[in-house]
Amino acid sequence: MNRGVSYYRQTILSTLQRIPLHVFLIIFSIFFLFPFFWMFTSSFKTQSELLGSAQTLLPASINFENYQFAFDTIPLFRNLFNSFFIAISYMLLALFFTSLGGFAFAKYNFPGRNALFALLLATMMVPQAVSIVPSFILMKEFNWIDTYYAVIIPGTAHAFGIFFMRQYIKGVNDELLDAGRIDGCTDFQLYYRIVLPVIKPALVTLAIVDFFGAWNSYLWPLIVLRSLDMYTIVLAITAFPAPQFRTPWGAIMAGTTVSVVPLIILFILLQRHFVSGLMSGSVRG
């Protein structure tokens, strides 16, 4: 009887001790989610409501004029397809190249490995603006301007991905690789039969990071893409016409909502894998 009372007392005390933390997290979440909520409600407001002096959180009435204007003035479905195609293609290529590079740096000894890895990490400190001009010249020489190749190919073997994969693959037991070699596996077979299944959480984590990065990329696609039909959804939102020099903020809010919804759905579906990959990586590192 005393044990039961003591157990319930400890449970109540631990619950009460967590209340301040939960209150803080709820308040923090509200501050974080409020801009998204305001963006969503603003997509249903009229231009006068958005620019009026008396701002309200909710629209006076629900109307879909902003969404109709957005889909009628620019090829939004085409732009959404472009974003999905570019983000998925970039993500898959980045996973392939970075995991291969991480595997090589983690499990193979070759002359200059440490120096080459240090040089690779040093490239992470180089600003993107430094590489824009030479990268653009290369894309022009390849005749890739205004094509998917110019947006997808550059940067797929990025230094952060190789570093992240190397740290994770270092935790793979060498005995598994030795057993694979005894069974006659080639180096590439060791990679995709043994290493890839083990590092699945890291692959999912990096996949989300790369997908989000490619989806939200603005500067580089703006430089190499020229036609509206090739624009990603992020670029297309900036291409709304401004009748009478009045920026259509309602349509911009509608287009931004359309561009954000897929990211939210993707993160909700893969949140568990994303968190587990980060936690496992931190423990391994």
C-alpha atoms as a PDB file:
ATOM      1  CA  MET A   1       0.000   0.000   0.000  1.00  0.00           C
ATOM      2  CA  ASN A   2       2.786   2.393   0.929  1.00  0.00           C
ATOM      3  CA  ARG A   3       4.610   1.520  -2.285  1.00  0.00           C
ATOM      4  CA  GLY A   4       1.513   2.375  -4.335  1.00  0.00           C
ATOM      5  CA  VAL A   5       1.059   5.731  -2.566  1.00  0.00           C
ATOM      6  CA  SER A   6       4.745   6.521  -2.968  1.00  0.00           C
ATOM      7  CA  TYR A   7       4.626   5.643  -6.690  1.00  0.00           C
ATOM      8  CA  TYR A   8       1.605   7.869  -7.371  1.00  0.00           C
ATOM      9  CA  ARG A   9       3.161  10.671  -5.310  1.00  0.00           C
ATOM     10  CA  GLN A  10       6.355  10.515  -7.350  1.00  0.00           C
ATOM     11  CA  THR A  11       4.328  10.447 -10.575  1.00  0.00           C
ATOM     12  CA  ILE A  12       2.361  13.554  -9.572  1.00  0.00           C
ATOM     13  CA  LEU A  13       5.519  15.379  -8.480  1.00  0.00           C
ATOM     14  CA  SER A  14       7.332  14.574 -11.728  1.00  0.00           C
ATOM     15  CA  THR A  15       4.274  15.732 -13.698  1.00  0.00           C
ATOM     16  CA  LEU A  16       4.126  18.996 -11.781  1.00  0.00           C
ATOM     17  CA  GLN A  17       7.836  19.550 -12.340  1.00  0.00           C
ATOM     18  CA  ARG A  18       7.352  19.201 -16.111  1.00  0.00           C
ATOM     19  CA  ILE A  19       4.496  21.714 -16.281  1.00  0.00           C
ATOM     20  CA  PRO A  20       6.771  24.820 -16.589  1.00  0.00           C
ATOM     21  CA  LEU A  21       8.712  23.128 -19.384  1.00  0.00           C
ATOM     22  CA  HIS A  22       5.507  22.243 -21.238  1.00  0.00           C
ATOM     23  CA  VAL A  23       4.166  25.773 -20.824  1.00  0.00           C
ATOM     24  CA  PHE A  24       7.400  27.195 -22.208  1.00  0.00           C
ATOM     25  CA  LEU A  25       7.330  24.809 -25.187  1.00  0.00           C
ATOM     26  CA  ILE A  26       3.692  25.668 -25.934  1.00  0.00           C
ATOM     27  CA  ILE A  27       4.434  29.409 -25.876  1.00  0.00           C
ATOM     28  CA  PHE A  28       7.538  28.906 -28.013  1.00  0.00           C
ATOM     29  CA  SER A  29       5.533  26.822 -30.501  1.00  0.00           C
ATOM     30  CA  ILE A  30       2.872  29.532 -30.756  1.00  0.00           C
ATOM     31  CA  PHE A  31       5.515  32.156 -31.570  1.00  0.00           C
ATOM     32  CA  PHE A  32       7.028  29.809 -34.162  1.00  0.00           C
ATOM     33  CA  LEU A  33       3.723  28.856 -35.821  1.00  0.00           C
ATOM     34  CA  PHE A  34       2.128  32.308 -35.766  1.00  0.00           C
ATOM     35  CA  PRO A  35       3.818  33.567 -38.997  1.00  0.00           C
ATOM     36  CA  PHE A  36       2.548  30.495 -40.857  1.00  0.00           C
ATOM     37  CA  PHE A  37      -0.943  31.006 -39.487  1.00  0.00           C
ATOM     38  CA  TRP A  38      -0.874  34.684 -40.464  1.00  0.00           C
ATOM     39  CA  MET A  39       0.349  33.781 -43.959  1.00  0.00           C
ATOM     40  CA  PHE A  40      -2.461  31.246 -44.375  1.00  0.00           C
ATOM     41  CA  THR A  41      -5.216  33.599 -43.201  1.00  0.00           C
ATOM     42  CA  SER A  42      -3.792  36.481 -45.251  1.00  0.00           C
ATOM     43  CA  SER A  43      -4.094  34.379 -48.404  1.00  0.00           C
ATOM     44  CA  PHE A  44      -7.894  34.758 -48.038  1.00  0.00           C
ATOM     45  CA  LYS A  45      -7.856  38.510 -47.392  1.00  0.00           C
ATOM     46  CA  THR A  46      -8.517  41.217 -49.931  1.00  0.00           C
ATOM     47  CA  GLN A  47      -5.905  43.797 -50.882  1.00  0.00           C
ATOM     48  CA  SER A  48      -7.664  46.460 -48.814  1.00  0.00           C
ATOM     49  CA  GLU A  49      -7.647  44.231 -45.733  1.00  0.00           C
ATOM     50  CA  LEU A  50      -3.926  43.535 -46.116  1.00  0.00           C
ATOM     51  CA  LEU A  51      -2.963  47.174 -46.605  1.00  0.00           C
ATOM     52  CA  GLY A  52      -5.539  48.775 -44.335  1.00  0.00           C
ATOM     53  CA  SER A  53      -4.601  50.505 -41.110  1.00  0.00           C
ATOM     54  CA  ALA A  54      -6.872  48.258 -39.020  1.00  0.00           C
ATOM     55  CA  GLN A  55      -5.188  44.886 -39.308  1.00  0.00           C
ATOM     56  CA  THR A  56      -7.155  41.789 -38.284  1.00  0.00           C
ATOM     57  CA  LEU A  57      -5.900  38.282 -37.750  1.00  0.00           C
ATOM     58  CA  LEU A  58      -8.795  36.609 -39.581  1.00  0.00           C
ATOM     59  CA  PRO A  59     -10.273  37.701 -42.930  1.00  0.00           C
ATOM     60  CA  ALA A  60     -13.713  39.329 -42.987  1.00  0.00           C
ATOM     61  CA  SER A  61     -14.902  36.586 -45.352  1.00  0.00           C
ATOM     62  CA  ILE A  62     -13.372  33.515 -46.952  1.00  0.00           C
ATOM     63  CA  ASN A  63     -12.702  34.032 -50.649  1.00  0.00           C
ATOM     64  CA  PHE A  64     -10.426  32.264 -53.087  1.00  0.00           C
ATOM     65  CA  GLU A  65      -9.727  35.215 -55.387  1.00  0.00           C
ATOM     66  CA  ASN A  66      -6.048  35.274 -54.461  1.00  0.00           C
ATOM     67  CA  TYR A  67      -5.639  31.590 -55.301  1.00  0.00           C
ATOM     68  CA  GLN A  68      -7.537  32.042 -58.566  1.00  0.00           C
ATOM     69  CA  PHE A  69      -5.356  35.029 -59.476  1.00  0.00           C
ATOM     70  CA  ALA A  70      -2.200  33.040 -58.652  1.00  0.00           C
ATOM     71  CA  PHE A  71      -3.135  30.038 -60.788  1.00  0.00           C
ATOM     72  CA  ASP A  72      -4.450  32.193 -63.658  1.00  0.00           C
ATOM     73  CA  THR A  73      -1.490  34.559 -64.006  1.00  0.00           C
ATOM     74  CA  ILE A  74       1.439  32.120 -63.756  1.00  0.00           C
ATOM     75  CA  PRO A  75       1.789  28.382 -64.576  1.00  0.00           C
ATOM     76  CA  LEU A  76       1.741  27.422 -60.901  1.00  0.00           C
ATOM     77  CA  PHE A  77       1.173  23.690 -61.500  1.00  0.00           C
ATOM     78  CA  ARG A  78       4.142  23.631 -63.880  1.00  0.00           C
ATOM     79  CA  ASN A  79       6.238  25.516 -61.320  1.00  0.00           C
ATOM     80  CA  LEU A  80       5.239  23.033 -58.622  1.00  0.00           C
ATOM     81  CA  PHE A  81       6.295  20.168 -60.895  1.00  0.00           C
ATOM     82  CA  ASN A  82       9.625  21.894 -61.516  1.00  0.00           C
ATOM     83  CA  SER A  83      10.216  22.251 -57.779  1.00  0.00           C
ATOM     84  CA  PHE A  84       9.360  18.611 -57.091  1.00  0.00           C
ATOM     85  CA  PHE A  85      11.484  17.320 -59.974  1.00  0.00           C
ATOM     86  CA  ILE A  86      14.487  19.469 -59.100  1.00  0.00           C
ATOM     87  CA  ALA A  87      14.281  18.814 -55.347  1.00  0.00           C
ATOM     88  CA  ILE A  88      13.831  15.043 -55.693  1.00  0.00           C
ATOM     89  CA  SER A  89      16.548  14.712 -58.359  1.00  0.00           C
ATOM     90  CA  TYR A  90      18.990  16.821 -56.356  1.00  0.00           C
ATOM     91  CA  MET A  91      18.192  14.875 -53.191  1.00  0.00           C
ATOM     92  CA  LEU A  92      18.789  11.461 -54.797  1.00  0.00           C
ATOM     93  CA  LEU A  93      22.039  12.499 -56.471  1.00  0.00           C
ATOM     94  CA  ALA A  94      23.267  14.176 -53.291  1.00  0.00           C
ATOM     95  CA  LEU A  95      22.520  11.073 -51.225  1.00  0.00           C
ATOM     96  CA  PHE A  96      24.379   8.890 -53.708  1.00  0.00           C
ATOM     97  CA  PHE A  97      27.505  11.040 -54.009  1.00  0.00           C
ATOM     98  CA  THR A  98      27.766  12.080 -50.360  1.00  0.00           C
ATOM     99  CA  SER A  99      27.247   8.559 -49.036  1.00  0.00           C
ATOM    100  CA  LEU A 100      29.881   7.239 -51.440  1.00  0.00           C
ATOM    101  CA  GLY A 101      32.300   9.957 -50.367  1.00  0.00           C
ATOM    102  CA  GLY A 102      31.537   9.388 -46.701  1.00  0.00           C
ATOM    103  CA  PHE A 103      32.104   5.645 -47.150  1.00  0.00           C
ATOM    104  CA  ALA A 104      35.487   6.240 -48.774  1.00  0.00           C
ATOM    105  CA  PHE A 105      36.682   8.669 -46.090  1.00  0.00           C
ATOM    106  CA  ALA A 106      35.386   6.482 -43.244  1.00  0.00           C
ATOM    107  CA  LYS A 107      36.500   3.001 -44.259  1.00  0.00           C
ATOM    108  CA  TYR A 108      39.444   3.318 -46.656  1.00  0.00           C
ATOM    109  CA  ASN A 109      43.036   4.324 -46.002  1.00  0.00           C
ATOM    110  CA  PHE A 110      44.701   6.112 -48.915  1.00  0.00           C
ATOM    111  CA  PRO A 111      47.551   8.629 -49.181  1.00  0.00           C
ATOM    112  CA  GLY A 112      46.496  12.150 -48.243  1.00  0.00           C
ATOM    113  CA  ARG A 113      43.117  11.116 -46.850  1.00  0.00           C
ATOM    114  CA  ASN A 114      43.235  13.385 -43.813  1.00  0.00           C
ATOM    115  CA  ALA A 115      44.579  16.356 -45.783  1.00  0.00           C
ATOM    116  CA  LEU A 116      41.937  15.905 -48.468  1.00  0.00           C
ATOM    117  CA  PHE A 117      39.200  15.673 -45.851  1.00  0.00           C
ATOM    118  CA  ALA A 118      40.476  18.830 -44.142  1.00  0.00           C
ATOM    119  CA  LEU A 119      40.448  20.618 -47.506  1.00  0.00           C
ATOM    120  CA  LEU A 120      36.902  19.397 -48.074  1.00  0.00           C
ATOM    121  CA  LEU A 121      35.782  20.819 -44.725  1.00  0.00           C
ATOM    122  CA  ALA A 122      37.545  24.100 -45.516  1.00  0.00           C
ATOM    123  CA  THR A 123      35.299  24.547 -48.564  1.00  0.00           C
ATOM    124  CA  MET A 124      32.330  24.864 -46.197  1.00  0.00           C
ATOM    125  CA  MET A 125      33.718  28.250 -45.132  1.00  0.00           C
ATOM    126  CA  VAL A 126      33.754  29.603 -48.708  1.00  0.00           C
ATOM    127  CA  PRO A 127      30.720  31.863 -49.329  1.00  0.00           C
ATOM    128  CA  GLN A 128      28.350  30.810 -52.091  1.00  0.00           C
ATOM    129  CA  ALA A 129      28.770  34.174 -53.818  1.00  0.00           C
ATOM    130  CA  VAL A 130      32.423  33.361 -54.561  1.00  0.00           C
ATOM    131  CA  SER A 131      31.506  30.357 -56.720  1.00  0.00           C
ATOM    132  CA  ILE A 132      28.552  31.896 -58.579  1.00  0.00           C
ATOM    133  CA  VAL A 133      30.502  33.440 -61.464  1.00  0.00           C
ATOM    134  CA  PRO A 134      32.723  30.420 -62.298  1.00  0.00           C
ATOM    135  CA  SER A 135      29.741  28.095 -61.885  1.00  0.00           C
ATOM    136  CA  PHE A 136      27.664  30.221 -64.256  1.00  0.00           C
ATOM    137  CA  ILE A 137      30.476  30.222 -66.830  1.00  0.00           C
ATOM    138  CA  LEU A 138      30.627  26.427 -66.642  1.00  0.00           C
ATOM    139  CA  MET A 139      26.863  26.124 -67.091  1.00  0.00           C
ATOM    140  CA  LYS A 140      27.041  28.418 -70.112  1.00  0.00           C
ATOM    141  CA  GLU A 141      29.864  26.369 -71.649  1.00  0.00           C
ATOM    142  CA  PHE A 142      27.803  23.209 -71.171  1.00  0.00           C
ATOM    143  CA  ASN A 143      24.725  24.888 -72.726  1.00  0.00           C
ATOM    144  CA  TRP A 144      22.807  24.148 -69.556  1.00  0.00           C
ATOM    145  CA  ILE A 145      21.358  27.631 -69.013  1.00  0.00           C
ATOM    146  CA  ASP A 146      17.576  27.465 -68.497  1.00  0.00           C
ATOM    147  CA  THR A 147      17.657  23.675 -68.050  1.00  0.00           C
ATOM    148  CA  TYR A 148      17.148  21.345 -65.114  1.00  0.00           C
ATOM    149  CA  TYR A 149      20.795  20.271 -65.258  1.00  0.00           C
ATOM    150  CA  ALA A 150      22.067  23.692 -64.210  1.00  0.00           C
ATOM    151  CA  VAL A 151      19.958  23.639 -61.036  1.00  0.00           C
ATOM    152  CA  ILE A 152      20.382  19.970 -60.119  1.00  0.00           C
ATOM    153  CA  ILE A 153      23.978  18.984 -60.889  1.00  0.00           C
ATOM    154  CA  PRO A 154      26.091  21.695 -59.149  1.00  0.00           C
ATOM    155  CA  GLY A 155      26.504  21.093 -55.455  1.00  0.00           C
ATOM    156  CA  THR A 156      25.219  17.526 -55.281  1.00  0.00           C
ATOM    157  CA  ALA A 157      28.478  16.239 -53.753  1.00  0.00           C
ATOM    158  CA  HIS A 158      28.444  18.891 -51.038  1.00  0.00           C
ATOM    159  CA  ALA A 159      30.933  18.937 -48.180  1.00  0.00           C
ATOM    160  CA  PHE A 160      28.399  18.886 -45.354  1.00  0.00           C
ATOM    161  CA  GLY A 161      26.766  15.722 -46.684  1.00  0.00           C
ATOM    162  CA  ILE A 162      30.102  13.930 -47.038  1.00  0.00           C
ATOM    163  CA  PHE A 163      31.119  14.991 -43.530  1.00  0.00           C
ATOM    164  CA  PHE A 164      27.751  13.900 -42.078  1.00  0.00           C
ATOM    165  CA  MET A 165      27.891  10.520 -43.818  1.00  0.00           C
ATOM    166  CA  ARG A 166      31.510   9.943 -42.828  1.00  0.00           C
ATOM    167  CA  GLN A 167      30.715  10.486 -39.162  1.00  0.00           C
ATOM    168  CA  TYR A 168      27.814   8.063 -39.360  1.00  0.00           C
ATOM    169  CA  ILE A 169      29.546   5.375 -41.448  1.00  0.00           C
ATOM    170  CA  LYS A 170      32.510   5.352 -39.043  1.00  0.00           C
ATOM    171  CA  GLY A 171      30.153   3.632 -36.587  1.00  0.00           C
ATOM    172  CA  VAL A 172      29.526   0.715 -38.959  1.00  0.00           C
ATOM    173  CA  ASN A 173      31.269  -2.379 -37.620  1.00  0.00           C
ATOM    174  CA  ASP A 174      34.347  -3.283 -39.669  1.00  0.00           C
ATOM    175  CA  GLU A 175      33.621  -6.965 -39.058  1.00  0.00           C
ATOM    176  CA  LEU A 176      30.526  -6.673 -41.240  1.00  0.00           C
ATOM    177  CA  LEU A 177      32.642  -5.375 -44.101  1.00  0.00           C
ATOM    178  CA  ASP A 178      35.253  -8.103 -43.559  1.00  0.00           C
ATOM    179  CA  ALA A 179      32.513 -10.733 -43.662  1.00  0.00           C
ATOM    180  CA  GLY A 180      31.245  -9.232 -46.905  1.00  0.00           C
ATOM    181  CA  ARG A 181      34.706  -9.363 -48.441  1.00  0.00           C
ATOM    182  CA  ILE A 182      35.036 -13.015 -47.423  1.00  0.00           C
ATOM    183  CA  ASP A 183      31.744 -13.696 -49.196  1.00  0.00           C
ATOM    184  CA  GLY A 184      33.179 -12.157 -52.353  1.00  0.00           C
ATOM    185  CA  CYS A 185      31.545  -8.729 -52.289  1.00  0.00           C
ATOM    186  CA  THR A 186      33.130  -5.984 -54.337  1.00  0.00           C
ATOM    187  CA  ASP A 187      33.650  -2.524 -52.849  1.00  0.00           C
ATOM    188  CA  PHE A 188      30.452  -1.232 -54.403  1.00  0.00           C
ATOM    189  CA  GLN A 189      28.527  -4.277 -53.179  1.00  0.00           C
ATOM    190  CA  LEU A 190      29.800  -3.585 -49.663  1.00  0.00           C
ATOM    191  CA  TYR A 191      28.452  -0.062 -50.063  1.00  0.00           C
ATOM    192  CA  TYR A 192      24.909  -0.832 -51.156  1.00  0.00           C
ATOM    193  CA  ARG A 193      24.373  -4.235 -49.499  1.00  0.00           C
ATOM    194  CA  ILE A 194      25.912  -3.600 -46.074  1.00  0.00           C
ATOM    195  CA  VAL A 195      26.523   0.110 -45.489  1.00  0.00           C
ATOM    196  CA  LEU A 196      23.343   1.647 -46.925  1.00  0.00           C
ATOM    197  CA  PRO A 197      20.891  -0.493 -44.873  1.00  0.00           C
ATOM    198  CA  VAL A 198      22.794   0.336 -41.682  1.00  0.00           C
ATOM    199  CA  ILE A 199      22.851   4.107 -42.261  1.00  0.00           C
ATOM    200  CA  LYS A 200      19.176   4.424 -43.239  1.00  0.00           C
ATOM    201  CA  PRO A 201      18.389   6.980 -40.447  1.00  0.00           C
ATOM    202  CA  ALA A 202      21.245   9.195 -41.636  1.00  0.00           C
ATOM    203  CA  LEU A 203      20.051   8.904 -45.239  1.00  0.00           C
ATOM    204  CA  VAL A 204      16.533   9.990 -44.270  1.00  0.00           C
ATOM    205  CA  THR A 205      17.872  12.933 -42.267  1.00  0.00           C
ATOM    206  CA  LEU A 206      20.115  14.147 -45.067  1.00  0.00           C
ATOM    207  CA  ALA A 207      17.327  13.537 -47.611  1.00  0.00           C
ATOM    208  CA  ILE A 208      15.054  15.949 -45.744  1.00  0.00           C
ATOM    209  CA  VAL A 209      17.810  18.567 -45.462  1.00  0.00           C
ATOM    210  CA  ASP A 210      18.712  18.312 -49.155  1.00  0.00           C
ATOM    211  CA  PHE A 211      15.085  18.303 -50.307  1.00  0.00           C
ATOM    212  CA  PHE A 212      14.242  21.378 -48.253  1.00  0.00           C
ATOM    213  CA  GLY A 213      17.402  23.143 -49.415  1.00  0.00           C
ATOM    214  CA  ALA A 214      16.726  22.468 -53.099  1.00  0.00           C
ATOM    215  CA  TRP A 215      13.049  23.405 -52.747  1.00  0.00           C
ATOM    216  CA  ASN A 216      13.785  26.733 -51.038  1.00  0.00           C
ATOM    217  CA  SER A 217      16.807  27.652 -53.159  1.00  0.00           C
ATOM    218  CA  TYR A 218      16.389  31.080 -54.734  1.00  0.00           C
ATOM    219  CA  LEU A 219      19.629  32.768 -55.815  1.00  0.00           C
ATOM    220  CA  TRP A 220      21.152  30.053 -58.020  1.00  0.00           C
ATOM    221  CA  PRO A 221      17.890  29.131 -59.841  1.00  0.00           C
ATOM    222  CA  LEU A 222      17.260  32.842 -60.403  1.00  0.00           C
ATOM    223  CA  ILE A 223      20.628  33.120 -62.174  1.00  0.00           C
ATOM    224  CA  VAL A 224      20.426  30.050 -64.438  1.00  0.00           C
ATOM    225  CA  LEU A 225      16.684  29.836 -65.165  1.00  0.00           C
ATOM    226  CA  ARG A 226      15.285  32.320 -67.666  1.00  0.00           C
ATOM    227  CA  SER A 227      11.763  31.275 -68.760  1.00  0.00           C
ATOM    228  CA  LEU A 228       8.684  31.320 -66.541  1.00  0.00           C
ATOM    229  CA  ASP A 229       7.846  27.709 -67.452  1.00  0.00           C
ATOM    230  CA  MET A 230      11.192  26.596 -66.002  1.00  0.00           C
ATOM    231  CA  TYR A 231      10.830  28.559 -62.770  1.00  0.00           C
ATOM    232  CA  THR A 232      10.515  26.785 -59.452  1.00  0.00           C
ATOM    233  CA  ILE A 233       7.600  27.683 -57.197  1.00  0.00           C
ATOM    234  CA  VAL A 234       9.862  29.963 -55.131  1.00  0.00           C
ATOM    235  CA  LEU A 235      10.847  31.972 -58.204  1.00  0.00           C
ATOM    236  CA  ALA A 236       7.349  31.966 -59.641  1.00  0.00           C
ATOM    237  CA  ILE A 237       5.956  33.680 -56.551  1.00  0.00           C
ATOM    238  CA  THR A 238       8.164  36.698 -57.318  1.00  0.00           C
ATOM    239  CA  ALA A 239       6.883  36.828 -60.911  1.00  0.00           C
ATOM    240  CA  PHE A 240       3.308  37.874 -60.135  1.00  0.00           C
ATOM    241  CA  PRO A 241       2.282  40.890 -62.231  1.00  0.00           C
ATOM    242  CA  ALA A 242       1.646  44.103 -60.306  1.00  0.00           C
ATOM    243  CA  PRO A 243      -1.342  45.898 -61.862  1.00  0.00           C
ATOM    244  CA  GLN A 244      -1.103  49.656 -61.421  1.00  0.00           C
ATOM    245  CA  PHE A 245       2.212  49.119 -59.584  1.00  0.00           C
ATOM    246  CA  ARG A 246       0.391  47.524 -56.643  1.00  0.00           C
ATOM    247  CA  THR A 247       2.084  44.392 -55.361  1.00  0.00           C
ATOM    248  CA  PRO A 248      -0.529  41.583 -55.117  1.00  0.00           C
ATOM    249  CA  TRP A 249       0.273  40.613 -51.545  1.00  0.00           C
ATOM    250  CA  GLY A 250      -2.757  38.352 -51.280  1.00  0.00           C
ATOM    251  CA  ALA A 251      -1.640  36.319 -54.292  1.00  0.00           C
ATOM    252  CA  ILE A 252       1.889  36.161 -52.890  1.00  0.00           C
ATOM    253  CA  MET A 253       0.510  34.811 -49.607  1.00  0.00           C
ATOM    254  CA  ALA A 254      -1.539  32.257 -51.567  1.00  0.00           C
ATOM    255  CA  GLY A 255       1.456  31.154 -53.636  1.00  0.00           C
ATOM    256  CA  THR A 256       3.637  30.943 -50.540  1.00  0.00           C
ATOM    257  CA  THR A 257       1.016  28.814 -48.798  1.00  0.00           C
ATOM    258  CA  VAL A 258       0.950  26.447 -51.777  1.00  0.00           C
ATOM    259  CA  SER A 259       4.741  26.192 -51.705  1.00  0.00           C
ATOM    260  CA  VAL A 260       4.946  25.542 -47.951  1.00  0.00           C
ATOM    261  CA  VAL A 261       2.233  22.877 -47.648  1.00  0.00           C
ATOM    262  CA  PRO A 262       4.283  20.063 -49.321  1.00  0.00           C
ATOM    263  CA  LEU A 263       7.222  20.771 -47.003  1.00  0.00           C
ATOM    264  CA  ILE A 264       5.026  20.604 -43.904  1.00  0.00           C
ATOM    265  CA  ILE A 265       3.450  17.325 -45.034  1.00  0.00           C
ATOM    266  CA  LEU A 266       6.858  15.822 -45.827  1.00  0.00           C
ATOM    267  CA  PHE A 267       8.323  16.817 -42.480  1.00  0.00           C
ATOM    268  CA  ILE A 268       5.327  15.446 -40.556  1.00  0.00           C
ATOM    269  CA  LEU A 269       5.607  12.113 -42.364  1.00  0.00           C
ATOM    270  CA  LEU A 270       9.364  11.800 -41.820  1.00  0.00           C
ATOM    271  CA  GLN A 271       9.705  13.588 -38.492  1.00  0.00           C
ATOM    272  CA  ARG A 272      10.388  10.419 -36.506  1.00  0.00           C
ATOM    273  CA  HIS A 273      13.172   9.323 -38.885  1.00  0.00           C
ATOM    274  CA  PHE A 274      14.611  12.844 -38.968  1.00  0.00           C
ATOM    275  CA  VAL A 275      14.864  13.101 -35.173  1.00  0.00           C
ATOM    276  CA  SER A 276      16.229   9.565 -34.778  1.00  0.00           C
ATOM    277  CA  GLY A 277      18.854  10.231 -37.455  1.00  0.00           C
ATOM    278  CA  LEU A 278      20.016  13.405 -35.738  1.00  0.00           C
ATOM    279  CA  MET A 279      20.139  11.762 -32.316  1.00  0.00           C
ATOM    280  CA  SER A 280      21.992   8.706 -33.612  1.00  0.00           C
ATOM    281  CA  GLY A 281      24.445  10.929 -35.448  1.00  0.00           C
ATOM    282  CA  SER A 282      25.139  12.973 -32.338  1.00  0.00           C
ATOM    283  CA  VAL A 283      25.766   9.831 -30.288  1.00  0.00           C
ATOM    284  CA  ARG A 284      28.058   8.377 -32.953  1.00  0.00           C
ATOM    285  CA  GLY A 285      29.930  11.660 -33.376  1.00  0.00           C
END
